[in-house]
Every structure is written in C-alpha cells, then in structure tokens.
Amino acid sequence: MKVLDLRQSDTKCGSNSPALSIMRFWLSEGGNQEIEIIALKGLQADQVEMWAEAMKEKGVKILSKSDEGDKIVYKVYLP
C-alpha cells in the first residue's frame, strides 16, 4: 500500500496544503487503489476529511481512521 505522509507539509493553504498534496499524489500514482494518508491531528486531519467529503461524489472513500497519538492514519480509496 502506498503511503502519503502529510506531517512534513505546510499546514496552511497554498501549494503544500493537504488537499493539494493528496490531489498531486492521486494524479501521479493513479487511482483504483487504497492508500494510507498520515496527518497530524487538528488542521491537517480536518483538511483530509473535508477533502474526502468534497470528493465523495467522485468515488473517494475513507475506509478507516485510526488515532495514533499525535497523528491520524487514514486508509482511503482513490477511484
């Protein structure tokens, strides 16, 4: 399973925002697969969830979410 670790990204809006990082990863790695996204609790995790909700009609699904201390690990299906 491919992993996208957002913890090193800038948490602000802009070209390194979690949503854009996920979109770039999706475009470069392709769809029809499950990936793991690691996000810091708080703003990054909120942005991952908002992105997944916004992309739900495209077929994106959060399959699981686990709280691991200071981070949240998501398993996400990218269509």
N, C-alpha and C. Protein backbone atom coordinates (compact mmCIF):
# COMPACT_ATOMS: atom_id res chain seq x y z
N MET A 1 0.85 -1.19 0.00
CA MET A 1 0.00 0.00 0.00
C MET A 1 0.89 1.24 0.00
N LYS A 2 0.56 2.18 -0.85
CA LYS A 2 1.32 3.44 -0.92
C LYS A 2 0.92 4.35 0.23
N VAL A 3 1.89 5.13 0.69
CA VAL A 3 1.68 6.00 1.85
C VAL A 3 1.97 7.44 1.48
N LEU A 4 1.07 8.33 1.88
CA LEU A 4 1.27 9.77 1.75
C LEU A 4 1.35 10.33 3.16
N ASP A 5 2.54 10.78 3.54
CA ASP A 5 2.76 11.33 4.88
C ASP A 5 2.72 12.85 4.78
N LEU A 6 1.66 13.43 5.33
CA LEU A 6 1.47 14.89 5.25
C LEU A 6 2.17 15.64 6.39
N ARG A 7 2.75 14.91 7.33
CA ARG A 7 3.28 15.57 8.53
C ARG A 7 4.39 16.57 8.24
N GLN A 8 5.09 16.40 7.12
CA GLN A 8 6.17 17.33 6.78
C GLN A 8 5.67 18.53 5.95
N SER A 9 4.40 18.48 5.55
CA SER A 9 3.85 19.53 4.69
C SER A 9 3.50 20.78 5.48
N ASP A 10 3.43 21.88 4.78
CA ASP A 10 2.94 23.13 5.35
C ASP A 10 1.44 22.95 5.61
N THR A 11 0.99 23.28 6.81
CA THR A 11 -0.42 23.06 7.13
C THR A 11 -1.31 24.21 6.67
N LYS A 12 -0.71 25.26 6.15
CA LYS A 12 -1.51 26.40 5.70
C LYS A 12 -2.08 26.13 4.31
N CYS A 13 -2.89 27.04 3.86
CA CYS A 13 -3.40 26.95 2.49
C CYS A 13 -2.24 27.21 1.53
N GLY A 14 -2.42 26.84 0.31
CA GLY A 14 -1.39 27.08 -0.68
C GLY A 14 -0.99 25.79 -1.36
N SER A 15 0.14 25.81 -2.04
CA SER A 15 0.54 24.68 -2.88
C SER A 15 0.91 23.44 -2.08
N ASN A 16 1.18 23.57 -0.79
CA ASN A 16 1.51 22.41 0.03
C ASN A 16 0.38 22.02 0.97
N SER A 17 -0.81 22.53 0.75
CA SER A 17 -1.94 22.19 1.62
C SER A 17 -2.23 20.69 1.50
N PRO A 18 -2.80 20.09 2.53
CA PRO A 18 -3.13 18.66 2.45
C PRO A 18 -3.97 18.30 1.23
N ALA A 19 -4.98 19.11 0.92
CA ALA A 19 -5.85 18.79 -0.23
C ALA A 19 -5.06 18.74 -1.53
N LEU A 20 -4.20 19.72 -1.75
CA LEU A 20 -3.41 19.72 -2.99
C LEU A 20 -2.37 18.62 -2.99
N SER A 21 -1.80 18.32 -1.83
CA SER A 21 -0.85 17.21 -1.75
C SER A 21 -1.52 15.89 -2.12
N ILE A 22 -2.74 15.68 -1.62
CA ILE A 22 -3.47 14.45 -1.95
C ILE A 22 -3.80 14.41 -3.44
N MET A 23 -4.23 15.53 -4.00
CA MET A 23 -4.56 15.57 -5.44
C MET A 23 -3.33 15.26 -6.28
N ARG A 24 -2.19 15.85 -5.94
CA ARG A 24 -0.95 15.58 -6.70
C ARG A 24 -0.58 14.10 -6.59
N PHE A 25 -0.70 13.55 -5.40
CA PHE A 25 -0.39 12.13 -5.19
C PHE A 25 -1.31 11.26 -6.05
N TRP A 26 -2.61 11.57 -6.04
CA TRP A 26 -3.61 10.83 -6.82
C TRP A 26 -3.27 10.89 -8.31
N LEU A 27 -2.93 12.08 -8.78
CA LEU A 27 -2.59 12.23 -10.20
C LEU A 27 -1.31 11.48 -10.57
N SER A 28 -0.31 11.52 -9.70
CA SER A 28 0.97 10.88 -10.03
C SER A 28 0.92 9.37 -9.84
N GLU A 29 0.18 8.88 -8.85
CA GLU A 29 0.16 7.44 -8.55
C GLU A 29 -1.01 6.71 -9.18
N GLY A 30 -2.01 7.46 -9.62
CA GLY A 30 -3.16 6.84 -10.25
C GLY A 30 -4.22 6.43 -9.24
N GLY A 31 -5.35 6.06 -9.76
CA GLY A 31 -6.48 5.70 -8.91
C GLY A 31 -6.69 4.20 -8.85
N ASN A 32 -7.88 3.81 -8.47
CA ASN A 32 -8.28 2.42 -8.33
C ASN A 32 -7.36 1.68 -7.35
N GLN A 33 -7.09 2.34 -6.22
CA GLN A 33 -6.23 1.72 -5.21
C GLN A 33 -6.54 2.31 -3.84
N GLU A 34 -6.12 1.56 -2.82
CA GLU A 34 -6.21 2.06 -1.45
C GLU A 34 -4.85 2.63 -1.08
N ILE A 35 -4.86 3.77 -0.40
CA ILE A 35 -3.63 4.38 0.07
C ILE A 35 -3.76 4.68 1.56
N GLU A 36 -2.62 4.95 2.17
CA GLU A 36 -2.61 5.36 3.57
C GLU A 36 -2.18 6.81 3.61
N ILE A 37 -2.93 7.63 4.33
CA ILE A 37 -2.60 9.04 4.50
C ILE A 37 -2.34 9.28 5.98
N ILE A 38 -1.16 9.82 6.29
CA ILE A 38 -0.81 10.12 7.68
C ILE A 38 -0.87 11.64 7.84
N ALA A 39 -1.68 12.09 8.80
CA ALA A 39 -1.88 13.52 9.02
C ALA A 39 -1.74 13.83 10.51
N LEU A 40 -1.25 15.02 10.80
CA LEU A 40 -1.22 15.49 12.17
C LEU A 40 -2.64 15.75 12.65
N LYS A 41 -2.89 15.52 13.93
CA LYS A 41 -4.20 15.84 14.48
C LYS A 41 -4.45 17.33 14.34
N GLY A 42 -5.70 17.69 14.23
CA GLY A 42 -6.06 19.10 14.13
C GLY A 42 -6.30 19.50 12.70
N LEU A 43 -5.67 20.58 12.29
CA LEU A 43 -5.93 21.18 10.97
C LEU A 43 -5.69 20.21 9.82
N GLN A 44 -4.56 19.49 9.84
CA GLN A 44 -4.29 18.56 8.73
C GLN A 44 -5.37 17.48 8.63
N ALA A 45 -5.71 16.88 9.75
CA ALA A 45 -6.73 15.83 9.74
C ALA A 45 -8.07 16.39 9.29
N ASP A 46 -8.42 17.58 9.76
CA ASP A 46 -9.67 18.22 9.33
C ASP A 46 -9.68 18.42 7.83
N GLN A 47 -8.54 18.85 7.27
CA GLN A 47 -8.48 19.10 5.83
C GLN A 47 -8.57 17.81 5.03
N VAL A 48 -7.98 16.74 5.52
CA VAL A 48 -8.10 15.44 4.85
C VAL A 48 -9.58 15.03 4.80
N GLU A 49 -10.26 15.18 5.93
CA GLU A 49 -11.67 14.78 5.99
C GLU A 49 -12.55 15.67 5.11
N MET A 50 -12.27 16.96 5.09
CA MET A 50 -13.05 17.87 4.23
C MET A 50 -12.80 17.54 2.75
N TRP A 51 -11.55 17.24 2.39
CA TRP A 51 -11.23 16.88 1.02
C TRP A 51 -11.98 15.60 0.62
N ALA A 52 -11.93 14.59 1.50
CA ALA A 52 -12.59 13.32 1.19
C ALA A 52 -14.10 13.52 1.03
N GLU A 53 -14.68 14.36 1.89
CA GLU A 53 -16.12 14.65 1.78
C GLU A 53 -16.43 15.35 0.46
N ALA A 54 -15.59 16.31 0.08
CA ALA A 54 -15.81 17.05 -1.17
C ALA A 54 -15.64 16.14 -2.40
N MET A 55 -14.79 15.12 -2.30
CA MET A 55 -14.51 14.24 -3.43
C MET A 55 -15.36 12.96 -3.41
N LYS A 56 -16.27 12.87 -2.44
CA LYS A 56 -17.08 11.66 -2.29
C LYS A 56 -17.85 11.33 -3.57
N GLU A 57 -18.39 12.34 -4.23
CA GLU A 57 -19.16 12.07 -5.46
C GLU A 57 -18.28 11.55 -6.58
N LYS A 58 -16.97 11.73 -6.47
CA LYS A 58 -16.04 11.16 -7.46
C LYS A 58 -15.67 9.73 -7.11
N GLY A 59 -16.09 9.26 -5.92
CA GLY A 59 -15.83 7.89 -5.52
C GLY A 59 -14.78 7.72 -4.43
N VAL A 60 -14.24 8.82 -3.92
CA VAL A 60 -13.25 8.75 -2.83
C VAL A 60 -13.96 8.30 -1.56
N LYS A 61 -13.33 7.36 -0.82
CA LYS A 61 -13.92 6.87 0.42
C LYS A 61 -12.84 6.75 1.48
N ILE A 62 -13.15 7.21 2.70
CA ILE A 62 -12.29 6.92 3.84
C ILE A 62 -12.73 5.56 4.36
N LEU A 63 -11.84 4.57 4.26
CA LEU A 63 -12.17 3.20 4.65
C LEU A 63 -11.96 2.98 6.14
N SER A 64 -10.94 3.63 6.69
CA SER A 64 -10.70 3.53 8.12
C SER A 64 -9.91 4.73 8.59
N LYS A 65 -9.98 4.95 9.89
CA LYS A 65 -9.30 6.09 10.51
C LYS A 65 -8.82 5.62 11.87
N SER A 66 -7.51 5.71 12.12
CA SER A 66 -7.03 5.30 13.44
C SER A 66 -6.22 6.41 14.08
N ASP A 67 -6.51 6.62 15.34
CA ASP A 67 -5.87 7.65 16.15
C ASP A 67 -4.61 7.04 16.75
N GLU A 68 -3.45 7.59 16.38
CA GLU A 68 -2.18 7.05 16.87
C GLU A 68 -1.38 8.14 17.56
N GLY A 69 -1.92 8.64 18.65
CA GLY A 69 -1.21 9.66 19.43
C GLY A 69 -1.34 11.04 18.81
N ASP A 70 -0.24 11.55 18.25
CA ASP A 70 -0.25 12.90 17.67
C ASP A 70 -0.64 12.89 16.20
N LYS A 71 -0.94 11.71 15.65
CA LYS A 71 -1.28 11.62 14.22
C LYS A 71 -2.52 10.77 14.04
N ILE A 72 -3.13 10.94 12.87
CA ILE A 72 -4.28 10.14 12.46
C ILE A 72 -3.87 9.44 11.16
N VAL A 73 -4.11 8.15 11.10
CA VAL A 73 -3.78 7.39 9.90
C VAL A 73 -5.09 6.97 9.23
N TYR A 74 -5.23 7.41 7.99
CA TYR A 74 -6.42 7.11 7.21
C TYR A 74 -6.08 6.06 6.16
N LYS A 75 -7.01 5.14 5.92
CA LYS A 75 -6.94 4.31 4.73
C LYS A 75 -8.02 4.86 3.82
N VAL A 76 -7.61 5.24 2.62
CA VAL A 76 -8.50 5.93 1.69
C VAL A 76 -8.50 5.20 0.35
N TYR A 77 -9.69 5.05 -0.21
CA TYR A 77 -9.81 4.50 -1.56
C TYR A 77 -9.86 5.65 -2.55
N LEU A 78 -8.93 5.59 -3.52
CA LEU A 78 -8.92 6.56 -4.63
C LEU A 78 -9.44 5.86 -5.87
N PRO A 79 -10.54 6.33 -6.44
CA PRO A 79 -11.10 5.66 -7.62
C PRO A 79 -10.24 5.86 -8.86
